[in-house]
Amino acid sequence: MYGSKGWRFGAWLLALTLLAAGCLPRGVRIPQSPLLRTLERKSGLIAYVGTDGNIYTVNQGGGDQRAVTDDAHLPEGGGGEARYYQFPTWSPDGERLAFVGVSSSDGSVETASLYTVARDGTELVEAFASDKEVPVYLYWSPEGKHLSFLSAAEARAALALQIVPARRGEARILDAGEPYYWAWAPDGQSMLVHVGGAARFQPKARLAFLSLNGEVVEEGLSLRPTLFHAPAWSPDGQRTLMAVETDDGNRALLVADRRGVMDKVLTTFDGSIAFGWSPDGERVAYITGDGGSQGTLGPLTVLDPDKPFEARVTEDTQAIAFFWSPDSRKIAYFVPSLFSPTPEPGQTEPSEEDQVLLLSLHTLDVKRGESQLLTTFRPTDEFFGILPYFDQYQHSATIWSPDSRNLVLSTYSRQGDPALWIVTASGKLEPRHLTEGLMAAWSWE
């Protein structure tokens, strides 16, 4: 007969067998076993910013942990000399990691560098360094040989779009503007850019192609951008997505060809829109609602761009961001809410300032049209900060594992400690604590 420990292990093993067979009833979850993090098949690597300000990599089970940097120091109180690292961003093939290092004094940036390093932590390269420019967003070229990035400088009002070889070389400024969003063409020879916001409010706002063959050549489009952030290319490079003002004054999400010639209107909308193409190119997802420069909050819609009249809409939810799974079968999306803590005995009712922002993580099965709640959590400031701009960030980073089985979340515990958690996309297992950390990104491969 089983002892108590043997019984628990046997029960867990039986549940794991049912899980593998897909037989657990919907909504039923089994607890995580320490064995699972060892036995489960690993997929890709997770890069993250530690609570000490250094960059680390780790697999989903907590093994193969490596400190990419070890010289960060964050003085108490925010004063004095500081060194910290930000924005871990994987190359498309998962073989190199880029990140930014900043040295500051009394809160003022003194130097900023852009580094790349091999997946195993070797071949660290300082690809870019400046005492005037601070990289604020990184985006690898499709072939993984160059890094495009936005940089800010005190002497310049606008952001600069720059490009630099990933293994060191001369950085080039391609363009400037604010706000600035772009999407690489899959062949890596050009970009589709959206600069300056909405033409209705900013007459100089523009949509354009930047050709990067030799000299940079800009080909402006006659289309007038409306309230959205990042444009998108179809994975095959033949079509583009952008949001524009039509001749009759409506706002429309449209598909255009690779030259910017309009093909069809997918939808018209009020307010703002954020969108993304599925990795297989067969579907488009978008959120419409109120927002604009601070993001979009509204229902999530999924459609086949060749059959836009068959769109599926999650009308009962107000999503703030979404990320496609690598296999294009699911969409992970986030629904925000405010939570008011229960006051302690003798305390007054909590004020609005005491409310806590929570995110509910759902997955949508795009074929069945079924949504599933996976977990509700309090996001770290670093993670929540990217969600209003997820349509740009989804081009350069993902929270999905390469095999589409898991997601990594950056959360605060009830005690206020930042940590990373692994959540199974099936919803059949309880979320698992991975390690302490502020912000994480899973490798594409």
Protein backbone atom coordinates (compact mmCIF):
# COMPACT_ATOMS: atom_id res chain seq x y z
CA MET A 1 0.00 0.00 0.00
CA TYR A 2 1.03 3.62 -0.51
CA GLY A 3 2.22 5.69 2.42
CA SER A 4 0.95 9.27 2.59
CA LYS A 5 3.78 10.56 0.41
CA GLY A 6 3.39 7.65 -1.98
CA TRP A 7 -0.35 8.25 -2.23
CA ARG A 8 0.16 11.93 -3.06
CA PHE A 9 2.73 11.08 -5.69
CA GLY A 10 0.47 8.40 -7.16
CA ALA A 11 -2.46 10.81 -7.29
CA TRP A 12 -0.31 13.46 -8.94
CA LEU A 13 1.02 10.94 -11.43
CA LEU A 14 -2.52 9.84 -12.29
CA ALA A 15 -3.56 13.47 -12.78
CA LEU A 16 -0.50 14.09 -14.96
CA THR A 17 -1.44 11.06 -17.07
CA LEU A 18 -4.96 12.44 -17.51
CA LEU A 19 -3.48 15.83 -18.35
CA ALA A 20 -1.27 14.34 -21.03
CA ALA A 21 -4.28 12.56 -22.48
CA GLY A 22 -6.34 15.76 -22.39
CA CYS A 23 -8.94 14.13 -20.11
CA LEU A 24 -9.13 16.60 -17.23
CA PRO A 25 -12.51 18.33 -17.01
CA ARG A 26 -12.56 21.99 -18.05
CA GLY A 27 -11.67 24.25 -15.13
CA VAL A 28 -9.96 21.49 -13.13
CA ARG A 29 -6.30 22.09 -12.32
CA ILE A 30 -3.71 19.91 -10.66
CA PRO A 31 -1.00 21.33 -8.39
CA GLN A 32 2.53 21.68 -9.68
CA SER A 33 4.95 18.96 -8.61
CA PRO A 34 8.67 19.67 -8.13
CA LEU A 35 9.24 16.79 -10.55
CA LEU A 36 7.45 18.58 -13.38
CA ARG A 37 9.99 21.39 -13.68
CA THR A 38 12.67 18.70 -14.08
CA LEU A 39 10.86 16.25 -16.33
CA GLU A 40 8.92 18.49 -18.70
CA ARG A 41 10.35 19.16 -22.14
CA LYS A 42 12.15 22.51 -22.18
CA SER A 43 11.47 25.01 -24.93
CA GLY A 44 13.70 28.01 -25.53
CA LEU A 45 15.20 30.24 -22.85
CA ILE A 46 13.80 33.07 -20.76
CA ALA A 47 15.80 36.29 -20.41
CA TYR A 48 14.90 38.59 -17.56
CA VAL A 49 15.91 41.62 -15.54
CA GLY A 50 16.68 40.56 -11.98
CA THR A 51 15.74 42.52 -8.90
CA ASP A 52 19.41 43.47 -8.60
CA GLY A 53 19.38 45.17 -12.02
CA ASN A 54 21.37 42.45 -13.83
CA ILE A 55 20.35 40.39 -16.88
CA TYR A 56 19.85 36.63 -16.48
CA THR A 57 18.72 33.67 -18.57
CA VAL A 58 16.96 30.54 -17.32
CA ASN A 59 14.87 27.70 -18.69
CA GLN A 60 11.22 27.26 -17.74
CA GLY A 61 12.06 24.74 -15.03
CA GLY A 62 14.47 27.10 -13.27
CA GLY A 63 17.54 25.24 -14.52
CA ASP A 64 20.43 26.36 -16.70
CA GLN A 65 20.33 29.73 -14.93
CA ARG A 66 23.07 32.10 -16.03
CA ALA A 67 24.02 35.64 -15.04
CA VAL A 68 24.69 37.52 -18.27
CA THR A 69 25.85 40.57 -16.29
CA ASP A 70 27.06 40.82 -12.70
CA ASP A 71 28.11 44.44 -12.13
CA ALA A 72 24.76 46.15 -11.58
CA HIS A 73 24.40 48.18 -8.40
CA LEU A 74 21.34 50.08 -7.27
CA PRO A 75 22.03 52.44 -4.35
CA GLU A 76 19.38 52.81 -1.68
CA GLY A 77 17.31 55.96 -1.88
CA GLY A 78 18.03 56.50 -5.58
CA GLY A 79 21.04 58.78 -5.08
CA GLY A 80 24.69 58.25 -5.93
CA GLU A 81 26.25 56.12 -8.64
CA ALA A 82 24.12 53.41 -10.24
CA ARG A 83 24.54 50.74 -12.91
CA TYR A 84 21.60 48.73 -14.27
CA TYR A 85 20.42 46.81 -17.33
CA GLN A 86 17.15 46.89 -19.30
CA PHE A 87 15.19 45.62 -22.29
CA PRO A 88 16.37 42.01 -22.86
CA THR A 89 15.43 41.26 -26.48
CA TRP A 90 16.05 37.97 -28.31
CA SER A 91 17.18 37.68 -31.92
CA PRO A 92 14.68 35.91 -34.23
CA ASP A 93 16.69 32.67 -34.20
CA GLY A 94 17.18 32.79 -30.43
CA GLU A 95 20.97 32.64 -30.77
CA ARG A 96 21.75 36.10 -29.42
CA LEU A 97 20.33 38.39 -26.76
CA ALA A 98 20.43 42.19 -26.85
CA PHE A 99 20.03 44.49 -23.87
CA VAL A 100 20.84 48.00 -22.68
CA GLY A 101 23.22 48.98 -19.89
CA VAL A 102 22.96 52.37 -18.18
CA SER A 103 25.33 54.16 -15.80
CA SER A 104 23.86 57.08 -13.90
CA SER A 105 24.72 59.52 -11.13
CA ASP A 106 22.07 60.98 -8.85
CA GLY A 107 19.38 59.90 -11.30
CA SER A 108 20.99 61.44 -14.40
CA VAL A 109 22.20 59.14 -17.18
CA GLU A 110 25.93 59.45 -17.84
CA THR A 111 26.48 56.66 -20.38
CA ALA A 112 24.29 54.11 -22.13
CA SER A 113 25.38 51.05 -24.09
CA LEU A 114 23.67 48.46 -26.25
CA TYR A 115 25.07 44.94 -25.87
CA THR A 116 24.58 41.62 -27.61
CA VAL A 117 25.64 38.24 -26.26
CA ALA A 118 25.46 34.65 -27.44
CA ARG A 119 22.73 32.39 -26.04
CA ASP A 120 25.26 30.59 -23.82
CA GLY A 121 26.54 33.86 -22.32
CA THR A 122 29.73 34.08 -24.39
CA GLU A 123 30.76 36.60 -27.05
CA LEU A 124 29.58 39.70 -25.21
CA VAL A 125 29.75 42.67 -27.59
CA GLU A 126 29.18 46.36 -26.93
CA ALA A 127 27.46 47.22 -30.21
CA PHE A 128 26.71 50.85 -29.36
CA ALA A 129 27.74 53.32 -26.64
CA SER A 130 27.00 56.99 -26.06
CA ASP A 131 27.06 59.67 -23.41
CA LYS A 132 24.32 61.58 -25.27
CA GLU A 133 21.91 58.95 -26.67
CA VAL A 134 19.91 56.49 -24.53
CA PRO A 135 18.34 53.47 -26.29
CA VAL A 136 14.73 53.05 -25.14
CA TYR A 137 13.44 50.24 -27.39
CA LEU A 138 15.20 47.41 -29.29
CA TYR A 139 14.00 45.48 -32.36
CA TRP A 140 16.17 42.94 -34.24
CA SER A 141 16.23 42.80 -38.03
CA PRO A 142 14.63 39.61 -39.44
CA GLU A 143 17.97 38.02 -40.38
CA GLY A 144 19.42 38.79 -36.94
CA LYS A 145 22.46 40.70 -38.18
CA HIS A 146 21.38 44.20 -37.15
CA LEU A 147 19.57 45.90 -34.32
CA SER A 148 17.20 48.79 -34.87
CA PHE A 149 16.46 50.91 -31.85
CA LEU A 150 14.90 54.14 -30.69
CA SER A 151 17.08 56.54 -28.75
CA ALA A 152 16.35 59.66 -26.75
CA ALA A 153 18.67 62.64 -26.26
CA GLU A 154 18.33 65.79 -24.19
CA ALA A 155 19.51 67.93 -27.10
CA ARG A 156 16.81 66.60 -29.44
CA ALA A 157 13.05 66.84 -29.04
CA ALA A 158 12.27 63.83 -31.24
CA LEU A 159 13.24 60.17 -30.92
CA ALA A 160 15.84 58.86 -33.35
CA LEU A 161 15.46 55.57 -35.22
CA GLN A 162 18.93 54.02 -35.48
CA ILE A 163 20.43 50.78 -36.78
CA VAL A 164 23.70 49.13 -35.81
CA PRO A 165 25.41 45.80 -36.66
CA ALA A 166 24.74 43.31 -33.87
CA ARG A 167 28.44 42.47 -33.51
CA ARG A 168 29.68 46.05 -33.42
CA GLY A 169 29.93 48.63 -36.16
CA GLU A 170 28.90 52.16 -36.99
CA ALA A 171 25.38 53.14 -35.95
CA ARG A 172 23.29 55.03 -38.48
CA ILE A 173 20.37 57.36 -37.80
CA LEU A 174 17.63 56.41 -40.25
CA ASP A 175 14.88 58.81 -39.27
CA ALA A 176 13.46 60.86 -36.40
CA GLY A 177 10.06 61.76 -35.00
CA GLU A 178 7.77 61.33 -32.04
CA PRO A 179 5.95 59.14 -31.48
CA TYR A 180 7.73 56.63 -33.71
CA TYR A 181 6.60 53.08 -34.60
CA TRP A 182 7.78 50.66 -37.27
CA ALA A 183 7.71 47.13 -38.61
CA TRP A 184 10.52 45.35 -40.44
CA ALA A 185 9.63 43.76 -43.77
CA PRO A 186 10.27 40.00 -43.50
CA ASP A 187 13.10 40.22 -46.06
CA GLY A 188 14.91 42.80 -43.92
CA GLN A 189 15.31 45.22 -46.81
CA SER A 190 12.80 47.85 -45.72
CA MET A 191 10.58 49.11 -42.92
CA LEU A 192 7.03 50.42 -42.77
CA VAL A 193 6.97 53.38 -40.38
CA HIS A 194 4.27 55.41 -38.66
CA VAL A 195 5.53 58.73 -37.34
CA GLY A 196 3.87 61.60 -35.53
CA GLY A 197 0.56 60.12 -34.41
CA ALA A 198 -2.79 60.82 -36.09
CA ALA A 199 -2.96 63.17 -39.06
CA ARG A 200 -6.22 64.62 -37.74
CA PHE A 201 -4.34 66.10 -34.78
CA GLN A 202 -0.79 66.27 -36.16
CA PRO A 203 -0.71 67.48 -39.78
CA LYS A 204 2.87 66.23 -40.22
CA ALA A 205 2.02 62.66 -39.16
CA ARG A 206 3.05 60.21 -41.87
CA LEU A 207 3.14 56.64 -43.12
CA ALA A 208 6.13 55.69 -45.22
CA PHE A 209 8.43 52.92 -46.39
CA LEU A 210 12.13 53.18 -45.58
CA SER A 211 14.31 51.32 -48.08
CA LEU A 212 17.60 50.21 -46.51
CA ASN A 213 19.46 49.07 -49.64
CA GLY A 214 22.53 51.28 -49.53
CA GLU A 215 21.36 54.83 -48.84
CA VAL A 216 18.17 55.20 -46.84
CA VAL A 217 15.31 56.17 -49.14
CA GLU A 218 11.91 57.21 -47.81
CA GLU A 219 8.81 56.62 -49.91
CA GLY A 220 5.90 58.47 -48.34
CA LEU A 221 2.35 57.18 -48.63
CA SER A 222 -0.64 59.37 -49.40
CA LEU A 223 -2.66 57.56 -46.72
CA ARG A 224 -3.41 59.59 -43.59
CA PRO A 225 -2.68 57.72 -40.33
CA THR A 226 -5.34 57.70 -37.63
CA LEU A 227 -5.25 56.71 -33.94
CA PHE A 228 -3.00 53.65 -33.80
CA HIS A 229 0.61 52.82 -33.02
CA ALA A 230 2.51 50.16 -34.97
CA PRO A 231 1.86 48.99 -38.54
CA ALA A 232 2.41 45.33 -39.47
CA TRP A 233 3.64 43.16 -42.33
CA SER A 234 2.12 39.82 -43.21
CA PRO A 235 4.63 37.00 -42.50
CA ASP A 236 5.07 36.35 -46.23
CA GLY A 237 5.92 40.01 -46.84
CA GLN A 238 3.21 40.51 -49.45
CA ARG A 239 0.69 42.56 -47.47
CA THR A 240 0.67 45.27 -44.82
CA LEU A 241 -1.74 46.44 -42.13
CA MET A 242 -2.29 50.05 -41.13
CA ALA A 243 -5.07 52.25 -39.78
CA VAL A 244 -6.03 55.35 -41.78
CA GLU A 245 -8.59 58.07 -42.24
CA THR A 246 -10.73 57.43 -45.31
CA ASP A 247 -11.88 60.09 -47.75
CA ASP A 248 -15.32 60.16 -46.12
CA GLY A 249 -13.82 60.84 -42.69
CA ASN A 250 -14.08 57.34 -41.22
CA ARG A 251 -11.31 55.47 -39.44
CA ALA A 252 -10.45 52.15 -41.05
CA LEU A 253 -8.13 49.20 -40.63
CA LEU A 254 -6.99 48.27 -44.08
CA VAL A 255 -4.88 45.71 -45.86
CA ALA A 256 -2.50 47.12 -48.46
CA ASP A 257 0.05 45.48 -50.72
CA ARG A 258 3.80 45.69 -50.16
CA ARG A 259 3.87 49.05 -51.97
CA GLY A 260 1.15 50.57 -49.81
CA VAL A 261 -1.66 50.32 -52.38
CA MET A 262 -4.94 49.64 -50.59
CA ASP A 263 -6.43 46.18 -51.07
CA LYS A 264 -9.45 46.10 -48.73
CA VAL A 265 -10.92 47.59 -45.57
CA LEU A 266 -11.17 45.04 -42.75
CA THR A 267 -13.22 47.19 -40.40
CA THR A 268 -14.15 50.76 -39.55
CA PHE A 269 -14.04 51.96 -35.96
CA ASP A 270 -14.38 54.85 -33.55
CA GLY A 271 -11.59 55.77 -31.14
CA SER A 272 -8.31 53.89 -31.56
CA ILE A 273 -7.12 50.47 -32.70
CA ALA A 274 -4.20 48.10 -32.07
CA PHE A 275 -3.61 44.99 -34.17
CA GLY A 276 -1.32 42.13 -35.10
CA TRP A 277 -0.97 39.42 -37.72
CA SER A 278 -0.87 35.76 -36.68
CA PRO A 279 2.54 34.09 -37.22
CA ASP A 280 1.10 31.89 -39.98
CA GLY A 281 -0.45 34.89 -41.73
CA GLU A 282 -3.94 33.42 -41.82
CA ARG A 283 -5.64 35.71 -39.30
CA VAL A 284 -5.58 39.24 -37.95
CA ALA A 285 -6.49 40.21 -34.38
CA TYR A 286 -7.28 43.69 -33.17
CA ILE A 287 -8.60 45.68 -30.22
CA THR A 288 -10.76 48.75 -30.77
CA GLY A 289 -11.88 51.23 -28.14
CA ASP A 290 -10.93 54.35 -26.29
CA GLY A 291 -7.26 55.18 -26.02
CA GLY A 292 -4.74 56.43 -28.54
CA SER A 293 -1.30 57.43 -27.34
CA GLN A 294 -1.83 55.56 -24.05
CA GLY A 295 -3.07 52.35 -25.63
CA THR A 296 -6.44 50.87 -26.49
CA LEU A 297 -8.99 49.18 -24.22
CA GLY A 298 -11.86 47.30 -25.80
CA PRO A 299 -13.16 44.03 -27.27
CA LEU A 300 -10.77 41.64 -29.00
CA THR A 301 -11.67 40.66 -32.56
CA VAL A 302 -10.16 37.91 -34.73
CA LEU A 303 -10.79 37.51 -38.45
CA ASP A 304 -9.53 36.02 -41.67
CA PRO A 305 -8.38 39.01 -43.75
CA ASP A 306 -9.89 37.35 -46.83
CA LYS A 307 -13.23 36.92 -45.02
CA PRO A 308 -13.55 39.95 -42.72
CA PHE A 309 -17.33 39.52 -42.48
CA GLU A 310 -16.78 36.31 -40.44
CA ALA A 311 -15.06 38.08 -37.54
CA ARG A 312 -15.22 36.66 -34.00
CA VAL A 313 -15.60 39.26 -31.24
CA THR A 314 -15.09 38.80 -27.49
CA GLU A 315 -17.74 41.39 -26.72
CA ASP A 316 -17.90 40.68 -22.98
CA THR A 317 -14.27 41.57 -22.31
CA GLN A 318 -12.22 44.76 -22.34
CA ALA A 319 -8.74 43.70 -23.38
CA ILE A 320 -5.71 45.94 -23.08
CA ALA A 321 -3.16 43.81 -24.95
CA PHE A 322 -2.67 40.46 -26.66
CA PHE A 323 0.11 38.18 -27.93
CA TRP A 324 -0.27 35.46 -30.57
CA SER A 325 1.03 31.98 -29.76
CA PRO A 326 3.85 30.86 -32.08
CA ASP A 327 1.63 28.14 -33.59
CA SER A 328 -1.14 30.71 -34.27
CA ARG A 329 -3.74 28.58 -32.50
CA LYS A 330 -4.25 30.79 -29.46
CA ILE A 331 -4.12 34.39 -28.39
CA ALA A 332 -3.12 35.37 -24.87
CA TYR A 333 -4.91 38.55 -23.86
CA PHE A 334 -5.10 40.68 -20.73
CA VAL A 335 -8.16 42.22 -19.08
CA PRO A 336 -7.47 44.91 -16.43
CA SER A 337 -9.47 45.52 -13.26
CA LEU A 338 -9.10 47.47 -10.03
CA PHE A 339 -9.12 45.74 -6.66
CA SER A 340 -9.86 47.50 -3.38
CA PRO A 341 -8.15 45.79 -0.42
CA THR A 342 -10.32 44.92 2.58
CA PRO A 343 -9.53 47.43 5.36
CA GLU A 344 -8.14 46.16 8.63
CA PRO A 345 -10.42 46.36 11.70
CA GLY A 346 -10.66 49.97 12.83
CA GLN A 347 -9.38 51.37 9.50
CA THR A 348 -11.39 53.57 7.14
CA GLU A 349 -12.57 52.39 3.75
CA PRO A 350 -9.76 52.34 1.13
CA SER A 351 -9.46 55.34 -1.15
CA GLU A 352 -8.92 55.31 -4.91
CA GLU A 353 -5.20 55.62 -4.23
CA ASP A 354 -5.32 52.33 -2.34
CA GLN A 355 -6.78 50.42 -5.28
CA VAL A 356 -4.55 47.81 -6.89
CA LEU A 357 -4.40 47.15 -10.62
CA LEU A 358 -4.87 43.49 -11.52
CA LEU A 359 -4.68 41.72 -14.88
CA SER A 360 -6.62 38.62 -15.85
CA LEU A 361 -4.78 36.46 -18.36
CA HIS A 362 -7.06 34.66 -20.82
CA THR A 363 -6.39 32.55 -23.87
CA LEU A 364 -8.63 32.50 -26.92
CA ASP A 365 -8.78 29.38 -29.08
CA VAL A 366 -9.08 31.12 -32.44
CA LYS A 367 -10.56 28.12 -34.25
CA ARG A 368 -13.25 27.31 -31.67
CA GLY A 369 -13.78 30.85 -30.52
CA GLU A 370 -13.57 29.75 -26.87
CA SER A 371 -11.87 31.79 -24.14
CA GLN A 372 -10.34 30.46 -20.95
CA LEU A 373 -9.23 32.33 -17.83
CA LEU A 374 -5.75 31.17 -16.80
CA THR A 375 -4.90 33.39 -13.85
CA THR A 376 -5.29 36.84 -12.29
CA PHE A 377 -2.21 38.68 -11.08
CA ARG A 378 -0.71 42.03 -10.18
CA PRO A 379 1.77 42.98 -12.94
CA THR A 380 5.15 44.50 -12.25
CA ASP A 381 5.48 48.12 -13.29
CA GLU A 382 7.95 47.11 -16.01
CA PHE A 383 5.54 44.60 -17.53
CA PHE A 384 2.46 46.77 -17.33
CA GLY A 385 4.42 49.64 -18.87
CA ILE A 386 4.72 47.86 -22.23
CA LEU A 387 1.08 46.81 -22.55
CA PRO A 388 -0.25 50.14 -23.92
CA TYR A 389 2.32 49.68 -26.72
CA PHE A 390 2.00 45.91 -27.14
CA ASP A 391 1.37 46.27 -30.88
CA GLN A 392 4.97 47.51 -31.24
CA TYR A 393 6.45 45.18 -28.63
CA GLN A 394 4.88 42.07 -30.16
CA HIS A 395 7.20 42.59 -33.15
CA SER A 396 10.28 42.35 -30.93
CA ALA A 397 9.40 40.22 -27.89
CA THR A 398 7.06 37.47 -26.71
CA ILE A 399 5.85 35.97 -23.44
CA TRP A 400 5.07 32.63 -25.16
CA SER A 401 7.37 29.61 -25.14
CA PRO A 402 8.44 28.53 -28.65
CA ASP A 403 6.30 25.37 -28.40
CA SER A 404 3.19 27.41 -27.49
CA ARG A 405 2.67 25.41 -24.28
CA ASN A 406 3.58 28.01 -21.64
CA LEU A 407 3.71 31.72 -20.90
CA VAL A 408 5.94 33.73 -18.59
CA LEU A 409 4.43 36.49 -16.44
CA SER A 410 6.12 39.28 -14.48
CA THR A 411 4.15 39.79 -11.27
CA TYR A 412 4.14 41.20 -7.76
CA SER A 413 3.47 38.84 -4.88
CA ARG A 414 1.01 39.75 -2.13
CA GLN A 415 4.03 41.01 -0.18
CA GLY A 416 5.00 43.28 -3.07
CA ASP A 417 8.01 41.23 -4.23
CA PRO A 418 8.55 41.05 -8.03
CA ALA A 419 8.73 37.52 -9.42
CA LEU A 420 8.36 35.51 -12.63
CA TRP A 421 5.74 32.77 -12.99
CA ILE A 422 5.21 30.06 -15.59
CA VAL A 423 1.59 29.58 -16.68
CA THR A 424 0.50 26.61 -18.80
CA ALA A 425 -1.56 27.60 -21.83
CA SER A 426 -3.81 24.57 -21.31
CA GLY A 427 -4.94 25.89 -17.93
CA LYS A 428 -4.65 22.39 -16.49
CA LEU A 429 -1.82 23.16 -14.06
CA GLU A 430 -1.53 25.77 -11.35
CA PRO A 431 0.93 28.62 -12.16
CA ARG A 432 4.49 27.90 -11.02
CA HIS A 433 6.93 30.31 -9.40
CA LEU A 434 10.13 30.53 -11.44
CA THR A 435 12.42 33.12 -9.85
CA GLU A 436 12.60 36.73 -8.67
CA GLY A 437 12.59 39.24 -11.50
CA LEU A 438 11.16 42.46 -12.89
CA MET A 439 10.58 41.73 -16.57
CA ALA A 440 10.97 38.65 -18.78
CA ALA A 441 10.94 37.69 -22.46
CA TRP A 442 10.95 34.18 -23.94
CA SER A 443 13.24 33.38 -26.85
CA TRP A 444 11.60 32.84 -30.25
CA GLU A 445 13.43 29.53 -30.71
